[in-house]
């Protein structure tokens, strides 16, 4: 899985260079625990502007994303957090705990000025 995502990111970077595109582009991978799936996307945003509303922990490490996917024994079932799991949590406007999840990010393109 890791090799496949690395190849996809490399192919995207290569294609962006071939097309001579000089914009910011980020390739990112996360475990969607509601769907029980690994997902990937590319956005014309920097890693700190991903569309998760601050609920994620961007990282260059794909390991935690894959581990979360492999550990998901009940896709679609979202459980409460363990206070000893070492993750930093926040609370939304309703007081519900929001646990950041790992997202593997890599640059696919850079802006030229």
N, C-alpha and C. Protein backbone atom coordinates (compact mmCIF):
# COMPACT_ATOMS: atom_id res chain seq x y z
N UNK A 1 0.82 -1.19 0.00
CA UNK A 1 0.00 0.00 0.00
C UNK A 1 0.86 1.25 0.00
N UNK A 2 1.88 1.23 0.85
CA UNK A 2 2.75 2.40 0.94
C UNK A 2 3.40 2.67 -0.41
N UNK A 3 3.92 1.63 -1.04
CA UNK A 3 4.57 1.79 -2.34
C UNK A 3 3.60 2.34 -3.39
N UNK A 4 2.36 1.89 -3.37
CA UNK A 4 1.37 2.37 -4.34
C UNK A 4 1.11 3.86 -4.16
N UNK A 5 0.97 4.31 -2.92
CA UNK A 5 0.74 5.73 -2.68
C UNK A 5 1.96 6.56 -3.04
N UNK A 6 3.15 6.03 -2.77
CA UNK A 6 4.37 6.74 -3.14
C UNK A 6 4.49 6.86 -4.66
N UNK A 7 4.15 5.79 -5.39
CA UNK A 7 4.18 5.85 -6.85
C UNK A 7 3.16 6.86 -7.38
N UNK A 8 1.98 6.90 -6.78
CA UNK A 8 0.95 7.85 -7.22
C UNK A 8 1.43 9.28 -7.01
N UNK A 9 2.04 9.57 -5.87
CA UNK A 9 2.54 10.92 -5.59
C UNK A 9 3.66 11.28 -6.56
N UNK A 10 4.57 10.33 -6.83
CA UNK A 10 5.67 10.59 -7.76
C UNK A 10 5.14 10.83 -9.18
N UNK A 11 4.16 10.05 -9.60
CA UNK A 11 3.59 10.23 -10.93
C UNK A 11 2.91 11.59 -11.05
N UNK A 12 2.23 12.01 -10.00
CA UNK A 12 1.57 13.31 -10.01
C UNK A 12 2.61 14.44 -10.11
N UNK A 13 3.66 14.35 -9.29
CA UNK A 13 4.73 15.37 -9.36
C UNK A 13 5.34 15.42 -10.76
N UNK A 14 5.59 14.26 -11.34
CA UNK A 14 6.17 14.20 -12.68
C UNK A 14 5.25 14.85 -13.71
N UNK A 15 3.97 14.55 -13.62
CA UNK A 15 2.99 15.11 -14.57
C UNK A 15 2.89 16.63 -14.42
N UNK A 16 2.93 17.12 -13.20
CA UNK A 16 2.88 18.56 -12.96
C UNK A 16 4.10 19.23 -13.58
N UNK A 17 5.28 18.61 -13.43
CA UNK A 17 6.49 19.16 -14.05
C UNK A 17 6.39 19.13 -15.57
N UNK A 18 5.91 18.02 -16.13
CA UNK A 18 5.76 17.91 -17.59
C UNK A 18 4.85 18.99 -18.15
N UNK A 19 3.79 19.30 -17.41
CA UNK A 19 2.84 20.32 -17.86
C UNK A 19 3.31 21.74 -17.53
N UNK A 20 4.46 21.84 -16.87
CA UNK A 20 5.04 23.12 -16.49
C UNK A 20 4.07 23.98 -15.67
N UNK A 21 3.43 23.32 -14.72
CA UNK A 21 2.49 24.01 -13.82
C UNK A 21 3.26 24.49 -12.61
N UNK A 22 3.07 25.75 -12.26
CA UNK A 22 3.80 26.35 -11.14
C UNK A 22 2.83 26.81 -10.05
N UNK A 23 2.05 25.89 -9.58
CA UNK A 23 1.08 26.17 -8.52
C UNK A 23 1.34 25.24 -7.35
N UNK A 24 0.84 25.62 -6.18
CA UNK A 24 0.93 24.75 -5.02
C UNK A 24 -0.01 23.57 -5.23
N UNK A 25 0.47 22.39 -4.95
CA UNK A 25 -0.37 21.18 -5.01
C UNK A 25 0.11 20.23 -3.92
N UNK A 26 -0.85 19.67 -3.20
CA UNK A 26 -0.55 18.74 -2.12
C UNK A 26 -1.29 17.43 -2.36
N UNK A 27 -0.56 16.33 -2.32
CA UNK A 27 -1.13 14.99 -2.41
C UNK A 27 -1.27 14.49 -0.99
N UNK A 28 -2.46 14.00 -0.62
CA UNK A 28 -2.65 13.57 0.75
C UNK A 28 -3.49 12.30 0.83
N UNK A 29 -3.21 11.52 1.89
CA UNK A 29 -3.84 10.22 2.11
C UNK A 29 -4.33 10.16 3.55
N UNK A 30 -5.54 9.65 3.78
CA UNK A 30 -6.07 9.52 5.13
C UNK A 30 -6.97 8.30 5.21
N UNK A 31 -7.21 7.87 6.43
CA UNK A 31 -8.15 6.77 6.68
C UNK A 31 -9.49 7.39 7.03
N UNK A 32 -10.49 7.14 6.22
CA UNK A 32 -11.85 7.61 6.46
C UNK A 32 -12.53 6.56 7.33
N UNK A 33 -12.57 6.80 8.63
CA UNK A 33 -13.11 5.78 9.53
C UNK A 33 -14.61 5.61 9.40
N UNK A 34 -15.32 6.61 8.88
CA UNK A 34 -16.76 6.44 8.67
C UNK A 34 -17.03 5.44 7.54
N UNK A 35 -16.21 5.50 6.51
CA UNK A 35 -16.39 4.60 5.37
C UNK A 35 -15.53 3.35 5.49
N UNK A 36 -14.55 3.37 6.39
CA UNK A 36 -13.64 2.24 6.52
C UNK A 36 -12.73 2.10 5.31
N UNK A 37 -12.33 3.23 4.73
CA UNK A 37 -11.53 3.21 3.51
C UNK A 37 -10.32 4.11 3.63
N UNK A 38 -9.28 3.76 2.88
CA UNK A 38 -8.17 4.68 2.67
C UNK A 38 -8.60 5.59 1.54
N UNK A 39 -8.35 6.86 1.70
CA UNK A 39 -8.71 7.81 0.65
C UNK A 39 -7.49 8.64 0.33
N UNK A 40 -7.45 9.14 -0.88
CA UNK A 40 -6.37 10.01 -1.30
C UNK A 40 -6.94 11.11 -2.17
N UNK A 41 -6.27 12.23 -2.17
CA UNK A 41 -6.72 13.34 -2.97
C UNK A 41 -5.55 14.26 -3.26
N UNK A 42 -5.77 15.18 -4.14
CA UNK A 42 -4.80 16.22 -4.44
C UNK A 42 -5.54 17.54 -4.39
N UNK A 43 -4.95 18.50 -3.72
CA UNK A 43 -5.57 19.81 -3.65
C UNK A 43 -4.58 20.89 -4.00
N UNK A 44 -5.07 21.99 -4.50
CA UNK A 44 -4.21 23.12 -4.83
C UNK A 44 -4.09 24.02 -3.59
N UNK A 45 -3.70 23.37 -2.49
CA UNK A 45 -3.53 24.04 -1.20
C UNK A 45 -2.24 23.54 -0.56
N UNK A 46 -1.77 24.27 0.43
CA UNK A 46 -0.61 23.82 1.19
C UNK A 46 -1.08 22.80 2.23
N UNK A 47 -0.15 22.03 2.81
CA UNK A 47 -0.55 21.01 3.80
C UNK A 47 -1.31 21.58 5.00
N UNK A 48 -1.07 22.83 5.37
CA UNK A 48 -1.79 23.39 6.52
C UNK A 48 -3.15 23.96 6.13
N UNK A 49 -3.56 23.77 4.88
CA UNK A 49 -4.87 24.26 4.41
C UNK A 49 -5.76 23.12 3.90
N UNK A 50 -5.50 21.90 4.35
CA UNK A 50 -6.30 20.76 3.89
C UNK A 50 -7.76 20.95 4.30
N UNK A 51 -8.70 20.35 3.58
CA UNK A 51 -10.13 20.60 3.80
C UNK A 51 -10.75 19.83 4.97
N UNK A 52 -10.01 19.67 6.05
CA UNK A 52 -10.52 18.92 7.19
C UNK A 52 -10.86 19.82 8.37
N UNK A 53 -10.84 21.11 8.17
CA UNK A 53 -11.21 22.02 9.24
C UNK A 53 -10.37 21.92 10.49
N UNK A 54 -9.08 21.65 10.35
CA UNK A 54 -8.19 21.58 11.50
C UNK A 54 -8.31 20.30 12.30
N UNK A 55 -9.10 19.34 11.84
CA UNK A 55 -9.29 18.09 12.59
C UNK A 55 -8.22 17.06 12.28
N UNK A 56 -7.20 17.42 11.51
CA UNK A 56 -6.20 16.43 11.13
C UNK A 56 -4.82 16.82 11.63
N UNK A 57 -3.92 15.84 11.60
CA UNK A 57 -2.52 16.04 11.95
C UNK A 57 -1.69 15.73 10.71
N UNK A 58 -1.38 16.74 9.88
CA UNK A 58 -0.57 16.48 8.69
C UNK A 58 0.81 15.97 9.07
N UNK A 59 1.30 15.01 8.30
CA UNK A 59 2.59 14.39 8.57
C UNK A 59 3.15 13.85 7.27
N UNK A 60 4.44 13.65 7.24
CA UNK A 60 5.07 13.01 6.10
C UNK A 60 5.09 11.50 6.23
N UNK A 61 4.56 10.99 7.32
CA UNK A 61 4.62 9.56 7.63
C UNK A 61 3.30 8.88 7.28
N UNK A 62 3.35 7.92 6.39
CA UNK A 62 2.15 7.18 6.00
C UNK A 62 1.81 6.06 6.99
N UNK A 63 2.77 5.68 7.83
CA UNK A 63 2.57 4.59 8.77
C UNK A 63 1.32 4.70 9.63
N UNK A 64 1.11 5.83 10.35
CA UNK A 64 -0.08 5.93 11.19
C UNK A 64 -1.40 5.86 10.41
N UNK A 65 -1.40 6.34 9.19
CA UNK A 65 -2.61 6.27 8.37
C UNK A 65 -2.93 4.81 8.04
N UNK A 66 -1.93 4.07 7.60
CA UNK A 66 -2.11 2.65 7.26
C UNK A 66 -2.47 1.85 8.51
N UNK A 67 -1.81 2.15 9.62
CA UNK A 67 -2.10 1.44 10.88
C UNK A 67 -3.55 1.65 11.29
N UNK A 68 -4.06 2.88 11.16
CA UNK A 68 -5.45 3.15 11.49
C UNK A 68 -6.41 2.37 10.62
N UNK A 69 -6.08 2.28 9.34
CA UNK A 69 -6.89 1.52 8.40
C UNK A 69 -6.89 0.03 8.75
N UNK A 70 -5.71 -0.53 8.99
CA UNK A 70 -5.62 -1.96 9.29
C UNK A 70 -6.24 -2.32 10.63
N UNK A 71 -6.25 -1.38 11.57
CA UNK A 71 -6.82 -1.63 12.89
C UNK A 71 -8.34 -1.47 12.92
N UNK A 72 -8.93 -0.94 11.86
CA UNK A 72 -10.36 -0.68 11.81
C UNK A 72 -11.12 -1.99 11.58
N UNK A 73 -11.55 -2.61 12.65
CA UNK A 73 -12.26 -3.89 12.56
C UNK A 73 -13.75 -3.73 12.28
N UNK A 74 -14.27 -2.52 12.50
CA UNK A 74 -15.70 -2.28 12.28
C UNK A 74 -15.87 -0.97 11.49
N UNK A 75 -15.62 -1.01 10.18
CA UNK A 75 -15.78 0.21 9.38
C UNK A 75 -17.14 0.83 9.59
N UNK A 76 -17.14 2.13 9.73
CA UNK A 76 -18.38 2.87 9.93
C UNK A 76 -18.73 3.08 11.39
N UNK A 77 -18.11 2.31 12.30
CA UNK A 77 -18.37 2.48 13.71
C UNK A 77 -17.29 3.39 14.28
N UNK A 78 -17.69 4.52 14.80
CA UNK A 78 -16.75 5.48 15.36
C UNK A 78 -16.91 5.45 16.87
N UNK A 79 -15.84 5.12 17.56
CA UNK A 79 -15.90 5.02 19.01
C UNK A 79 -15.31 6.25 19.65
N UNK A 80 -15.55 6.42 20.93
CA UNK A 80 -14.97 7.52 21.70
C UNK A 80 -13.49 7.33 21.84
N UNK A 81 -12.81 8.37 22.27
CA UNK A 81 -11.35 8.28 22.38
C UNK A 81 -10.94 7.71 23.72
N UNK A 82 -9.78 7.18 23.75
CA UNK A 82 -9.16 6.72 24.98
C UNK A 82 -8.32 7.87 25.51
N UNK A 83 -8.57 8.35 26.72
CA UNK A 83 -7.82 9.51 27.22
C UNK A 83 -6.34 9.24 27.36
N UNK A 84 -5.93 7.99 27.33
CA UNK A 84 -4.51 7.67 27.45
C UNK A 84 -3.86 7.40 26.11
N UNK A 85 -4.54 7.72 25.00
CA UNK A 85 -3.96 7.38 23.71
C UNK A 85 -2.94 8.38 23.21
N UNK A 86 -2.70 9.47 23.93
CA UNK A 86 -1.64 10.41 23.59
C UNK A 86 -2.01 11.41 22.52
N UNK A 87 -3.22 11.38 22.00
CA UNK A 87 -3.61 12.33 20.96
C UNK A 87 -4.16 13.58 21.62
N UNK A 88 -3.95 14.70 20.96
CA UNK A 88 -4.51 15.96 21.44
C UNK A 88 -5.91 16.08 20.87
N UNK A 89 -6.87 16.33 21.73
CA UNK A 89 -8.23 16.47 21.25
C UNK A 89 -8.72 17.88 21.49
N UNK A 90 -9.74 18.25 20.74
CA UNK A 90 -10.39 19.53 20.88
C UNK A 90 -11.88 19.24 21.02
N UNK A 91 -12.64 20.28 21.29
CA UNK A 91 -14.09 20.13 21.38
C UNK A 91 -14.75 21.09 20.40
N UNK A 92 -15.82 20.61 19.76
CA UNK A 92 -16.53 21.47 18.82
C UNK A 92 -17.51 22.35 19.59
N UNK A 93 -18.30 23.14 18.86
CA UNK A 93 -19.24 24.07 19.48
C UNK A 93 -20.27 23.37 20.35
N UNK A 94 -20.57 22.10 20.06
CA UNK A 94 -21.54 21.33 20.83
C UNK A 94 -20.90 20.65 22.04
N UNK A 95 -19.60 20.87 22.23
CA UNK A 95 -18.90 20.24 23.34
C UNK A 95 -18.44 18.82 23.07
N UNK A 96 -18.66 18.33 21.84
CA UNK A 96 -18.24 16.98 21.49
C UNK A 96 -16.74 16.98 21.21
N UNK A 97 -16.09 15.92 21.64
CA UNK A 97 -14.65 15.80 21.43
C UNK A 97 -14.34 15.56 19.96
N UNK A 98 -13.38 16.30 19.43
CA UNK A 98 -12.91 16.15 18.06
C UNK A 98 -11.47 15.67 18.14
N UNK A 99 -11.21 14.46 17.68
CA UNK A 99 -9.88 13.87 17.77
C UNK A 99 -9.17 14.04 16.42
N UNK A 100 -8.03 14.71 16.40
CA UNK A 100 -7.30 14.83 15.13
C UNK A 100 -6.87 13.46 14.61
N UNK A 101 -6.90 13.29 13.32
CA UNK A 101 -6.50 12.03 12.70
C UNK A 101 -5.30 12.29 11.80
N UNK A 102 -4.45 11.25 11.62
CA UNK A 102 -3.25 11.44 10.80
C UNK A 102 -3.58 11.51 9.31
N UNK A 103 -2.90 12.42 8.64
CA UNK A 103 -3.02 12.56 7.20
C UNK A 103 -1.60 12.64 6.64
N UNK A 104 -1.28 11.76 5.71
CA UNK A 104 0.04 11.76 5.08
C UNK A 104 0.00 12.80 3.97
N UNK A 105 0.88 13.79 4.02
CA UNK A 105 0.92 14.84 3.01
C UNK A 105 2.29 14.87 2.33
N UNK A 106 2.26 15.19 1.07
CA UNK A 106 3.49 15.39 0.31
C UNK A 106 3.23 16.46 -0.74
N UNK A 107 4.23 17.27 -0.98
CA UNK A 107 4.10 18.30 -1.99
C UNK A 107 4.09 17.68 -3.36
N UNK A 108 3.17 18.14 -4.19
CA UNK A 108 3.11 17.65 -5.58
C UNK A 108 3.50 18.76 -6.55
N UNK A 109 3.47 19.99 -6.07
CA UNK A 109 3.82 21.14 -6.89
C UNK A 109 4.11 22.34 -6.01
N UNK A 110 4.81 23.29 -6.55
CA UNK A 110 5.15 24.49 -5.77
C UNK A 110 4.82 25.72 -6.58
N UNK A 111 4.49 26.77 -5.89
CA UNK A 111 4.16 28.02 -6.56
C UNK A 111 5.44 28.76 -6.92
N UNK A 112 5.47 29.32 -8.10
CA UNK A 112 6.59 30.17 -8.54
C UNK A 112 6.13 31.61 -8.44
N UNK A 113 7.02 32.44 -7.96
CA UNK A 113 6.67 33.87 -7.82
C UNK A 113 7.45 34.70 -8.79
